[in-house]
Amino acid sequence: MNNISAVLICRNEEKNIEECLRSVSWCNEIIVVDSFSTDETVKIARAFTDKIYENEWKGFAEQKRFAISKVNCEWVFSIDADERCTAELAKEIADILREANVSYNGFKIPRKSFFLNRWIKHGGWYPNYQLRLFRKNSATLSDRLVHESFLVDGNIPKLKSDLLHYTVTSVSAYISKINTYSDLSAREKFKKRKMGYVSLLLIPAVAFIRQYIFKGNILDGIGGLMVSRFHMITKTFNSMKIWEIQNSTDNQPK
């Protein structure tokens, strides 16, 4: 069987990290890269691996590149602290890697996401395939500030078993996450899109209608309604922050 390393980047994830690492304890090694947590994250992680590295935060992509550089196995399984590898997924991966010559460089995994313990099936939330299983020497990372992704050459088959994603456990925590992510997104996009009165007025409203009606979140009940509302809030924050950057004194003609 081909060897596989689980990799995780984290900071202050004491509520999540134990169940996350337990779900990948079948891997040959576990690499944890921590950004100087102030809670019990590192202490909990030590129960699962001695390969824990402290690294100053320089962005999602850079932190994951650092984590991959510490891997000793041919194959990598990348997981986030709020995700869990199911027994079915672990078996499916093991069956694939049992082959002497795997003909692909990576595999996409369906991700089953939960909003306040409700599985959201529509609006692009499921199956939401993620490239998380790949050969170490065949993968690169996109340079996006947020929603970075792994890239490999060639065909990328899709696995059948789910990766569980407990993305939203409280409204307050999700608002904080939206605030952080919209900062990064605005920094990426402020040079590409001019934001004015009409854009600020229409973008959030159109985003809600598209998500709730046309992408089907209406079929997910109150969870789908809340997800669509948060999608609208995300677009609102992002649009306003783009406008703020574009109209700041640092971006005005000298």
C-alpha atoms as a PDB file:
ATOM      1  CA  MET A   1       0.000   0.000   0.000  1.00  0.00           C
ATOM      2  CA  ASN A   2       1.200   3.524  -0.787  1.00  0.00           C
ATOM      3  CA  ASN A   3       1.942   5.583   2.341  1.00  0.00           C
ATOM      4  CA  ILE A   4      -0.190   8.632   3.134  1.00  0.00           C
ATOM      5  CA  SER A   5       0.207  11.708   5.334  1.00  0.00           C
ATOM      6  CA  ALA A   6      -2.656  13.720   6.806  1.00  0.00           C
ATOM      7  CA  VAL A   7      -1.903  17.463   6.978  1.00  0.00           C
ATOM      8  CA  LEU A   8      -3.704  20.095   9.039  1.00  0.00           C
ATOM      9  CA  ILE A   9      -3.099  23.803   9.567  1.00  0.00           C
ATOM     10  CA  CYS A  10      -4.716  25.354  12.621  1.00  0.00           C
ATOM     11  CA  ARG A  11      -4.876  28.008  15.309  1.00  0.00           C
ATOM     12  CA  ASN A  12      -6.972  27.913  18.469  1.00  0.00           C
ATOM     13  CA  GLU A  13      -8.959  24.848  17.428  1.00  0.00           C
ATOM     14  CA  GLU A  14      -9.218  23.070  20.798  1.00  0.00           C
ATOM     15  CA  LYS A  15     -12.934  22.438  20.222  1.00  0.00           C
ATOM     16  CA  ASN A  16     -12.368  20.696  16.894  1.00  0.00           C
ATOM     17  CA  ILE A  17      -8.917  19.222  16.662  1.00  0.00           C
ATOM     18  CA  GLU A  18      -9.383  16.044  18.710  1.00  0.00           C
ATOM     19  CA  GLU A  19     -12.229  14.676  16.585  1.00  0.00           C
ATOM     20  CA  CYS A  20     -10.511  15.825  13.408  1.00  0.00           C
ATOM     21  CA  LEU A  21      -7.219  14.072  14.181  1.00  0.00           C
ATOM     22  CA  ARG A  22      -8.974  10.977  15.488  1.00  0.00           C
ATOM     23  CA  SER A  23     -10.704  10.668  12.121  1.00  0.00           C
ATOM     24  CA  VAL A  24      -7.329  10.515  10.302  1.00  0.00           C
ATOM     25  CA  SER A  25      -5.493   8.339  12.826  1.00  0.00           C
ATOM     26  CA  TRP A  26      -5.402   5.581  10.169  1.00  0.00           C
ATOM     27  CA  CYS A  27      -2.890   7.594   8.118  1.00  0.00           C
ATOM     28  CA  ASN A  28       0.818   6.690   8.206  1.00  0.00           C
ATOM     29  CA  GLU A  29       1.708  10.091   9.624  1.00  0.00           C
ATOM     30  CA  ILE A  30      -0.091  13.240  10.763  1.00  0.00           C
ATOM     31  CA  ILE A  31       1.446  16.673  10.174  1.00  0.00           C
ATOM     32  CA  VAL A  32       0.035  19.567  12.216  1.00  0.00           C
ATOM     33  CA  VAL A  33       1.146  23.143  11.547  1.00  0.00           C
ATOM     34  CA  ASP A  34      -0.015  25.495  14.265  1.00  0.00           C
ATOM     35  CA  SER A  35       0.071  29.301  14.180  1.00  0.00           C
ATOM     36  CA  PHE A  36       0.996  29.764  17.844  1.00  0.00           C
ATOM     37  CA  SER A  37      -2.325  28.816  19.422  1.00  0.00           C
ATOM     38  CA  THR A  38      -3.109  30.308  22.825  1.00  0.00           C
ATOM     39  CA  ASP A  39      -5.514  27.535  23.833  1.00  0.00           C
ATOM     40  CA  GLU A  40      -5.067  23.755  24.272  1.00  0.00           C
ATOM     41  CA  THR A  41      -4.799  22.969  20.547  1.00  0.00           C
ATOM     42  CA  VAL A  42      -1.163  21.820  20.560  1.00  0.00           C
ATOM     43  CA  LYS A  43      -1.530  19.851  23.793  1.00  0.00           C
ATOM     44  CA  ILE A  44      -4.479  17.915  22.357  1.00  0.00           C
ATOM     45  CA  ALA A  45      -2.681  17.338  19.047  1.00  0.00           C
ATOM     46  CA  ARG A  46       0.284  15.737  20.831  1.00  0.00           C
ATOM     47  CA  ALA A  47      -1.948  12.790  21.735  1.00  0.00           C
ATOM     48  CA  PHE A  48      -2.120  11.950  18.015  1.00  0.00           C
ATOM     49  CA  THR A  49       1.244  12.983  16.569  1.00  0.00           C
ATOM     50  CA  ASP A  50       4.696  14.252  17.480  1.00  0.00           C
ATOM     51  CA  LYS A  51       5.017  16.013  14.124  1.00  0.00           C
ATOM     52  CA  ILE A  52       3.731  19.399  15.232  1.00  0.00           C
ATOM     53  CA  TYR A  53       5.312  22.548  13.825  1.00  0.00           C
ATOM     54  CA  GLU A  54       4.821  26.157  14.893  1.00  0.00           C
ATOM     55  CA  ASN A  55       4.872  28.564  11.970  1.00  0.00           C
ATOM     56  CA  GLU A  56       4.042  32.262  11.752  1.00  0.00           C
ATOM     57  CA  TRP A  57       0.821  32.883   9.833  1.00  0.00           C
ATOM     58  CA  LYS A  58       1.444  34.282   6.333  1.00  0.00           C
ATOM     59  CA  GLY A  59      -1.812  33.269   4.702  1.00  0.00           C
ATOM     60  CA  PHE A  60      -3.716  30.058   3.971  1.00  0.00           C
ATOM     61  CA  ALA A  61      -1.728  29.071   0.885  1.00  0.00           C
ATOM     62  CA  GLU A  62       1.683  29.744   2.439  1.00  0.00           C
ATOM     63  CA  GLN A  63       0.769  27.832   5.586  1.00  0.00           C
ATOM     64  CA  LYS A  64      -0.347  24.822   3.575  1.00  0.00           C
ATOM     65  CA  ARG A  65       2.819  24.928   1.462  1.00  0.00           C
ATOM     66  CA  PHE A  66       4.827  24.827   4.664  1.00  0.00           C
ATOM     67  CA  ALA A  67       2.780  21.851   5.900  1.00  0.00           C
ATOM     68  CA  ILE A  68       3.296  19.939   2.639  1.00  0.00           C
ATOM     69  CA  SER A  69       7.044  20.548   2.884  1.00  0.00           C
ATOM     70  CA  LYS A  70       7.081  18.495   6.095  1.00  0.00           C
ATOM     71  CA  VAL A  71       5.390  15.456   4.546  1.00  0.00           C
ATOM     72  CA  ASN A  72       7.404  12.252   4.209  1.00  0.00           C
ATOM     73  CA  CYS A  73       4.846  10.090   2.382  1.00  0.00           C
ATOM     74  CA  GLU A  74       4.039   9.958  -1.321  1.00  0.00           C
ATOM     75  CA  TRP A  75       0.351  10.747  -0.821  1.00  0.00           C
ATOM     76  CA  VAL A  76      -1.243  13.624   1.087  1.00  0.00           C
ATOM     77  CA  PHE A  77      -4.709  13.945   2.597  1.00  0.00           C
ATOM     78  CA  SER A  78      -5.420  17.590   3.466  1.00  0.00           C
ATOM     79  CA  ILE A  79      -8.058  18.192   6.113  1.00  0.00           C
ATOM     80  CA  ASP A  80      -9.299  21.231   8.062  1.00  0.00           C
ATOM     81  CA  ALA A  81      -9.964  21.258  11.794  1.00  0.00           C
ATOM     82  CA  ASP A  82     -13.736  21.547  11.318  1.00  0.00           C
ATOM     83  CA  GLU A  83     -13.797  18.497   9.012  1.00  0.00           C
ATOM     84  CA  ARG A  84     -14.018  14.768   9.739  1.00  0.00           C
ATOM     85  CA  CYS A  85     -12.939  11.814   7.615  1.00  0.00           C
ATOM     86  CA  THR A  86     -15.665   9.170   7.712  1.00  0.00           C
ATOM     87  CA  ALA A  87     -14.887   5.465   8.068  1.00  0.00           C
ATOM     88  CA  GLU A  88     -16.292   4.955   4.562  1.00  0.00           C
ATOM     89  CA  LEU A  89     -13.955   7.576   3.115  1.00  0.00           C
ATOM     90  CA  ALA A  90     -10.948   6.128   4.941  1.00  0.00           C
ATOM     91  CA  LYS A  91     -11.726   2.687   3.495  1.00  0.00           C
ATOM     92  CA  GLU A  92     -12.213   4.063  -0.021  1.00  0.00           C
ATOM     93  CA  ILE A  93      -8.870   5.870   0.119  1.00  0.00           C
ATOM     94  CA  ALA A  94      -7.114   2.795   1.523  1.00  0.00           C
ATOM     95  CA  ASP A  95      -8.557   0.642  -1.270  1.00  0.00           C
ATOM     96  CA  ILE A  96      -7.247   3.077  -3.891  1.00  0.00           C
ATOM     97  CA  LEU A  97      -3.769   3.334  -2.394  1.00  0.00           C
ATOM     98  CA  ARG A  98      -3.510  -0.429  -2.023  1.00  0.00           C
ATOM     99  CA  GLU A  99      -2.882  -0.571  -5.766  1.00  0.00           C
ATOM    100  CA  ALA A 100       0.815  -0.735  -6.644  1.00  0.00           C
ATOM    101  CA  ASN A 101       0.545   1.802  -9.480  1.00  0.00           C
ATOM    102  CA  VAL A 102      -2.177   4.402  -8.997  1.00  0.00           C
ATOM    103  CA  SER A 103      -2.731   6.007 -12.392  1.00  0.00           C
ATOM    104  CA  TYR A 104      -3.959   9.395 -11.119  1.00  0.00           C
ATOM    105  CA  ASN A 105      -2.222  12.233  -9.262  1.00  0.00           C
ATOM    106  CA  GLY A 106      -5.223  13.355  -7.244  1.00  0.00           C
ATOM    107  CA  PHE A 107      -8.825  12.706  -6.295  1.00  0.00           C
ATOM    108  CA  LYS A 108     -11.777  14.962  -5.488  1.00  0.00           C
ATOM    109  CA  ILE A 109     -13.847  14.193  -2.397  1.00  0.00           C
ATOM    110  CA  PRO A 110     -17.515  15.118  -1.884  1.00  0.00           C
ATOM    111  CA  ARG A 111     -17.927  17.378   1.143  1.00  0.00           C
ATOM    112  CA  LYS A 112     -21.060  17.184   3.271  1.00  0.00           C
ATOM    113  CA  SER A 113     -21.446  20.524   5.064  1.00  0.00           C
ATOM    114  CA  PHE A 114     -23.540  21.300   8.123  1.00  0.00           C
ATOM    115  CA  PHE A 115     -25.029  24.646   9.152  1.00  0.00           C
ATOM    116  CA  LEU A 116     -25.995  24.654  12.848  1.00  0.00           C
ATOM    117  CA  ASN A 117     -26.106  20.831  12.689  1.00  0.00           C
ATOM    118  CA  ARG A 118     -28.337  20.869   9.576  1.00  0.00           C
ATOM    119  CA  TRP A 119     -27.034  19.207   6.424  1.00  0.00           C
ATOM    120  CA  ILE A 120     -27.381  21.735   3.599  1.00  0.00           C
ATOM    121  CA  LYS A 121     -27.989  19.838   0.378  1.00  0.00           C
ATOM    122  CA  HIS A 122     -28.520  22.670  -2.116  1.00  0.00           C
ATOM    123  CA  GLY A 123     -27.095  26.022  -3.119  1.00  0.00           C
ATOM    124  CA  GLY A 124     -23.790  24.490  -4.168  1.00  0.00           C
ATOM    125  CA  TRP A 125     -23.118  23.173  -0.660  1.00  0.00           C
ATOM    126  CA  TYR A 126     -23.290  19.528  -1.688  1.00  0.00           C
ATOM    127  CA  PRO A 127     -21.486  17.598  -3.036  1.00  0.00           C
ATOM    128  CA  ASN A 128     -19.036  20.539  -3.341  1.00  0.00           C
ATOM    129  CA  TYR A 129     -16.133  18.330  -4.474  1.00  0.00           C
ATOM    130  CA  GLN A 130     -12.729  19.219  -2.998  1.00  0.00           C
ATOM    131  CA  LEU A 131      -9.290  18.107  -4.223  1.00  0.00           C
ATOM    132  CA  ARG A 132      -7.875  16.857  -0.926  1.00  0.00           C
ATOM    133  CA  LEU A 133      -6.109  13.600  -1.831  1.00  0.00           C
ATOM    134  CA  PHE A 134      -3.036  13.972  -4.049  1.00  0.00           C
ATOM    135  CA  ARG A 135       0.580  12.995  -4.660  1.00  0.00           C
ATOM    136  CA  LYS A 136       2.909  15.305  -2.763  1.00  0.00           C
ATOM    137  CA  ASN A 137       5.190  15.972  -5.737  1.00  0.00           C
ATOM    138  CA  SER A 138       2.366  16.521  -8.224  1.00  0.00           C
ATOM    139  CA  ALA A 139       0.370  19.229  -6.434  1.00  0.00           C
ATOM    140  CA  THR A 140       0.601  23.015  -6.330  1.00  0.00           C
ATOM    141  CA  LEU A 141      -1.490  25.614  -4.513  1.00  0.00           C
ATOM    142  CA  SER A 142      -3.348  28.560  -5.988  1.00  0.00           C
ATOM    143  CA  ASP A 143      -2.200  31.956  -4.700  1.00  0.00           C
ATOM    144  CA  ARG A 144      -5.617  33.212  -3.632  1.00  0.00           C
ATOM    145  CA  LEU A 145      -5.812  34.937  -0.242  1.00  0.00           C
ATOM    146  CA  VAL A 146      -8.970  33.017   0.607  1.00  0.00           C
ATOM    147  CA  HIS A 147     -10.534  29.807  -0.736  1.00  0.00           C
ATOM    148  CA  GLU A 148      -7.137  28.643  -1.937  1.00  0.00           C
ATOM    149  CA  SER A 149      -7.140  25.251  -3.639  1.00  0.00           C
ATOM    150  CA  PHE A 150      -4.796  22.439  -4.607  1.00  0.00           C
ATOM    151  CA  LEU A 151      -4.053  21.865  -8.298  1.00  0.00           C
ATOM    152  CA  VAL A 152      -2.757  18.749 -10.072  1.00  0.00           C
ATOM    153  CA  ASP A 153      -2.228  17.828 -13.719  1.00  0.00           C
ATOM    154  CA  GLY A 154      -4.332  15.258 -15.538  1.00  0.00           C
ATOM    155  CA  ASN A 155      -7.757  13.792 -14.930  1.00  0.00           C
ATOM    156  CA  ILE A 156      -9.088  13.980 -11.371  1.00  0.00           C
ATOM    157  CA  PRO A 157     -11.592  11.231 -10.493  1.00  0.00           C
ATOM    158  CA  LYS A 158     -14.289  11.779  -7.877  1.00  0.00           C
ATOM    159  CA  LEU A 159     -14.600   9.582  -4.823  1.00  0.00           C
ATOM    160  CA  LYS A 160     -17.983   8.403  -3.519  1.00  0.00           C
ATOM    161  CA  SER A 161     -17.591   8.738   0.255  1.00  0.00           C
ATOM    162  CA  ASP A 162     -18.151  12.031   2.068  1.00  0.00           C
ATOM    163  CA  LEU A 163     -15.854  14.307   4.011  1.00  0.00           C
ATOM    164  CA  LEU A 164     -17.923  15.861   6.818  1.00  0.00           C
ATOM    165  CA  HIS A 165     -17.673  19.635   7.265  1.00  0.00           C
ATOM    166  CA  TYR A 166     -19.057  21.317  10.392  1.00  0.00           C
ATOM    167  CA  THR A 167     -18.640  24.753   8.918  1.00  0.00           C
ATOM    168  CA  VAL A 168     -21.105  26.753  11.057  1.00  0.00           C
ATOM    169  CA  THR A 169     -21.602  25.923  14.722  1.00  0.00           C
ATOM    170  CA  SER A 170     -22.872  29.320  15.889  1.00  0.00           C
ATOM    171  CA  VAL A 171     -24.214  32.496  14.316  1.00  0.00           C
ATOM    172  CA  SER A 172     -21.693  34.678  16.159  1.00  0.00           C
ATOM    173  CA  ALA A 173     -18.711  32.590  15.042  1.00  0.00           C
ATOM    174  CA  TYR A 174     -19.907  32.637  11.435  1.00  0.00           C
ATOM    175  CA  ILE A 175     -20.288  36.424  11.436  1.00  0.00           C
ATOM    176  CA  SER A 176     -16.699  36.699  12.648  1.00  0.00           C
ATOM    177  CA  LYS A 177     -15.556  34.311   9.913  1.00  0.00           C
ATOM    178  CA  ILE A 178     -17.441  36.264   7.239  1.00  0.00           C
ATOM    179  CA  ASN A 179     -15.821  39.477   8.446  1.00  0.00           C
ATOM    180  CA  THR A 180     -12.326  37.983   8.174  1.00  0.00           C
ATOM    181  CA  TYR A 181     -12.881  36.292   4.816  1.00  0.00           C
ATOM    182  CA  SER A 182     -14.527  39.359   3.270  1.00  0.00           C
ATOM    183  CA  ASP A 183     -11.435  41.396   4.178  1.00  0.00           C
ATOM    184  CA  LEU A 184      -9.271  38.978   2.202  1.00  0.00           C
ATOM    185  CA  SER A 185     -11.722  38.775  -0.688  1.00  0.00           C
ATOM    186  CA  ALA A 186     -11.931  42.576  -0.973  1.00  0.00           C
ATOM    187  CA  ARG A 187      -8.134  42.826  -1.095  1.00  0.00           C
ATOM    188  CA  GLU A 188      -8.152  40.361  -3.999  1.00  0.00           C
ATOM    189  CA  LYS A 189     -10.925  41.984  -5.990  1.00  0.00           C
ATOM    190  CA  PHE A 190     -10.730  45.759  -5.496  1.00  0.00           C
ATOM    191  CA  LYS A 191      -8.631  46.271  -8.652  1.00  0.00           C
ATOM    192  CA  LYS A 192     -10.865  44.075 -10.804  1.00  0.00           C
ATOM    193  CA  ARG A 193     -14.323  45.472 -10.084  1.00  0.00           C
ATOM    194  CA  LYS A 194     -15.476  49.066  -9.771  1.00  0.00           C
ATOM    195  CA  MET A 195     -17.931  49.416  -6.918  1.00  0.00           C
ATOM    196  CA  GLY A 196     -20.538  52.192  -6.983  1.00  0.00           C
ATOM    197  CA  TYR A 197     -24.066  52.982  -5.826  1.00  0.00           C
ATOM    198  CA  VAL A 198     -25.839  50.554  -8.136  1.00  0.00           C
ATOM    199  CA  SER A 199     -23.419  47.719  -7.384  1.00  0.00           C
ATOM    200  CA  LEU A 200     -23.765  48.215  -3.637  1.00  0.00           C
ATOM    201  CA  LEU A 201     -27.548  48.205  -4.005  1.00  0.00           C
ATOM    202  CA  LEU A 202     -27.962  45.229  -6.336  1.00  0.00           C
ATOM    203  CA  ILE A 203     -25.139  42.748  -5.682  1.00  0.00           C
ATOM    204  CA  PRO A 204     -26.384  41.552  -2.258  1.00  0.00           C
ATOM    205  CA  ALA A 205     -30.030  41.356  -3.347  1.00  0.00           C
ATOM    206  CA  VAL A 206     -29.228  39.452  -6.540  1.00  0.00           C
ATOM    207  CA  ALA A 207     -26.933  37.125  -4.586  1.00  0.00           C
ATOM    208  CA  PHE A 208     -29.734  36.229  -2.167  1.00  0.00           C
ATOM    209  CA  ILE A 209     -32.312  35.563  -4.909  1.00  0.00           C
ATOM    210  CA  ARG A 210     -29.853  33.488  -6.913  1.00  0.00           C
ATOM    211  CA  GLN A 211     -28.809  31.418  -3.905  1.00  0.00           C
ATOM    212  CA  TYR A 212     -32.223  30.947  -2.344  1.00  0.00           C
ATOM    213  CA  ILE A 213     -34.371  30.476  -5.446  1.00  0.00           C
ATOM    214  CA  PHE A 214     -32.283  29.473  -8.445  1.00  0.00           C
ATOM    215  CA  LYS A 215     -29.659  27.399  -6.579  1.00  0.00           C
ATOM    216  CA  GLY A 216     -32.311  25.732  -4.469  1.00  0.00           C
ATOM    217  CA  ASN A 217     -31.604  26.717  -0.859  1.00  0.00           C
ATOM    218  CA  ILE A 218     -35.349  27.171  -0.501  1.00  0.00           C
ATOM    219  CA  LEU A 219     -35.532  23.356  -0.411  1.00  0.00           C
ATOM    220  CA  ASP A 220     -33.372  23.261   2.737  1.00  0.00           C
ATOM    221  CA  GLY A 221     -35.993  24.879   4.972  1.00  0.00           C
ATOM    222  CA  ILE A 222     -34.951  27.371   7.630  1.00  0.00           C
ATOM    223  CA  GLY A 223     -31.321  26.275   7.285  1.00  0.00           C
ATOM    224  CA  GLY A 224     -31.389  27.148   3.601  1.00  0.00           C
ATOM    225  CA  LEU A 225     -32.968  30.513   4.362  1.00  0.00           C
ATOM    226  CA  MET A 226     -30.259  31.333   6.892  1.00  0.00           C
ATOM    227  CA  VAL A 227     -27.486  30.165   4.548  1.00  0.00           C
ATOM    228  CA  SER A 228     -28.853  32.418   1.793  1.00  0.00           C
ATOM    229  CA  ARG A 229     -29.118  35.345   4.188  1.00  0.00           C
ATOM    230  CA  PHE A 230     -25.520  34.857   5.216  1.00  0.00           C
ATOM    231  CA  HIS A 231     -24.533  34.649   1.542  1.00  0.00           C
ATOM    232  CA  MET A 232     -26.188  38.043   1.064  1.00  0.00           C
ATOM    233  CA  ILE A 233     -24.372  39.422   4.127  1.00  0.00           C
ATOM    234  CA  THR A 234     -21.077  38.136   2.764  1.00  0.00           C
ATOM    235  CA  LYS A 235     -21.679  39.921  -0.535  1.00  0.00           C
ATOM    236  CA  THR A 236     -22.693  43.063   1.362  1.00  0.00           C
ATOM    237  CA  PHE A 237     -19.517  43.088   3.448  1.00  0.00           C
ATOM    238  CA  ASN A 238     -17.361  42.304   0.430  1.00  0.00           C
ATOM    239  CA  SER A 239     -18.923  45.013  -1.756  1.00  0.00           C
ATOM    240  CA  MET A 240     -18.674  47.663   0.961  1.00  0.00           C
ATOM    241  CA  LYS A 241     -15.050  46.792   1.721  1.00  0.00           C
ATOM    242  CA  ILE A 242     -14.134  46.948  -1.983  1.00  0.00           C
ATOM    243  CA  TRP A 243     -15.750  50.393  -2.138  1.00  0.00           C
ATOM    244  CA  GLU A 244     -13.865  51.420   1.016  1.00  0.00           C
ATOM    245  CA  ILE A 245     -10.496  50.371  -0.429  1.00  0.00           C
ATOM    246  CA  GLN A 246     -11.187  52.008  -3.791  1.00  0.00           C
ATOM    247  CA  ASN A 247     -12.118  55.291  -2.110  1.00  0.00           C
ATOM    248  CA  SER A 248      -9.395  55.356   0.520  1.00  0.00           C
ATOM    249  CA  THR A 249      -6.781  58.127   0.333  1.00  0.00           C
ATOM    250  CA  ASP A 250      -4.085  55.554  -0.452  1.00  0.00           C
ATOM    251  CA  ASN A 251      -5.794  54.735  -3.754  1.00  0.00           C
ATOM    252  CA  GLN A 252      -6.513  58.279  -4.922  1.00  0.00           C
ATOM    253  CA  PRO A 253      -4.499  59.927  -7.734  1.00  0.00           C
ATOM    254  CA  LYS A 254      -1.555  61.945  -6.423  1.00  0.00           C
END
